Amino acid sequence: MSTVSSLNPRRNCPFPGSDTLAAMVHRTLAIVLFFLSSSVVAQPIVKAGTADSVDMSAAVLRAGAALYADAVTRDDLRGAVILVARRGRIVLHEAYGWRDEKKSVPMAKDTLFRMASNTKPVIATAVLQLIEAGKLGLDDPVKKHIPSFDNEKSASITIRHLLTHTSGFRIDSLFLKPLMAKSEEHPDAPNLRLEAARFGGVGPVEKPGTSYSYSNPGFNTLGALIEIASGMSLERYLQERIYQPLGMTDSCNFEPRADNSRMSSVFRRKGDVWRVGWRPGGRPTVPFVRASGGMVSTAMDYAVFCQMFLNGGTYGGTRLLSEASVREATKAQTKHTHPEAVRDDPRQAFYGFGWRVTNGVHAHGGSDGTYGWVDPRRQIIGLVFTQSPGGANPRGQFQRVVDAACAGAR
C-alpha cells in the first residue's frame, strides 16, 4: 500500500475519487510496481530446509556426504565442508576432518576458506555492475582506462577479452616479479593498479580474442579497472556493492582482514605426507588486495552469492545484476582448455564471464581446494570446500550423486 500511496501524496487513499486519465496512469504504474517488487521478494533466499521439501532424496544425499567422511578417514583430504541447496533450501551442510595440522581444531560449518580463483566470479560480477552503470564498456579497449596498454602490442585488448581469458597474455605468475618497490614517485607501491599497469608493457603473445589461456594477470587487470572506474579500492567496492547487499558478513579479500581464528590451514601433499602450505596468521600471497584470488569466505556466504545468480541477479529484494548480465556471464563465451574442464567433460568445456560453463552448469574452482557449481535447470547449488589441494577429492562423484538425489526423490 505504501508503494501505491506514494504515487499520489496529496491523499491518504491510493487514487483520486474521479477516474481521470491521470488516475488511470497512477493505478497502472502502481500495479506494475507491485508485481515487480513482489517478483523480487518471492525469489528464494538461502535457508535450512529438508530434502523432501525440494524433491530430493535424503538417503542419496547421505550417500554423497559419506564420500567425504570416508575421504577424510582415509586421509585423502585433511578436512572438508560440503553444502547443497535446492530452490534456496539447504538440504546438506556438513563438516568433516580438521583445520589444523595437529588435528586439535575440527573443521566447522562456518570455517573460513582461502577461496583462491573462486574469487573470479565475484570480480566478474563487479565488472558487470560497472558496465551496467555505464562506467565501463564490455568492448572498451583497456587502453581507454590504463594508459600503459596504449601501445602496438596491447592496444586491442578489451575488457571482454580479460573476462573470457582471451587477452593473449601468457604471463605465468600473478604479477611480474619482483613487485615494485616503494619510491619517491610511488610511495604506496606495490599495489594492484601499479602492478596491473605493468602488464600493458609486456603485452599479449597471441592475438587478443583468438585463443583461450587462463590468465591471473588478466583478472588482476580487471581488478585495477574496477578501482579506476568506481573511484574506490577494490576491497571497499566488493564490500559495499556485493558483500554488504548480500549479507555476506564473513567474506573479505585479504587474509589479514579475516577472522584467522576460524580459518583453516592449507595443506599440500608431498608424496604420502600432508604439509602445511599456509596457516592462519601467515603472510598473504601478495601484500595487497588482488582480483585473481584472495577472497576469504564460508560455504554459507558463497551459497548466497551463487543463489543471487540463480535468482537472475537479485537476492533478498536487492538487485545486484540485470538478468541480461547474468545470462551473459553464465553462457559459453569461448572454448575452454583448463585441465579441470577437459577432465570433467571434454566435449562441453567453455568459459563465460568469470565462470566455467559445462552443459548449462556454471562452476569454478580454486587452487587451495575450493569448488562450487550452480545448476540452473535443477536449481541446485553445490559447494565442496577443502584446503587440501592435491588430495583425492571425490567431487566429480559427489556432483553426480547430487544429481541422482533429484532423480531419486520419492
Foldseek 3Di string as FASTA:
>chain_A
DVLQCVLPVVDPDNADPDPDPVRVVSVVVSVVVVVVLVLQQPQAAADADAQQVQQFALVLLVVLVVVQQVCCVVVLFQKKWKWKDFSRHTHDTDIDHPQDPVSPHGADQFFKEFFQQLLQVLLLLLLQLLCVVVLFPQQDQLCVQQVLLPDPQRRRQGNVLLQFQQQQADDPDLFDPPFDDADPVRNPPDELLVRLSVVSPVHHPDHGPPDHDDDNSSQSSSQNSSCRSVVHHSFVCSVPQPCVVLVQVQKGQALVVHPLVRYGFFWEDDPNDTDTPGHRPDHTPDPYGGRSTRMMGGPSSVVSVLSCLLSQQHHNSDGSHHNVSSVQQADFDAADDDPVQCVLPVVAWGGGRSWTYGPQKTKDGRQQAKIWIAHNVRRMIIIMDGRYHPGDDPVSVSVVSRVVRNVPGD
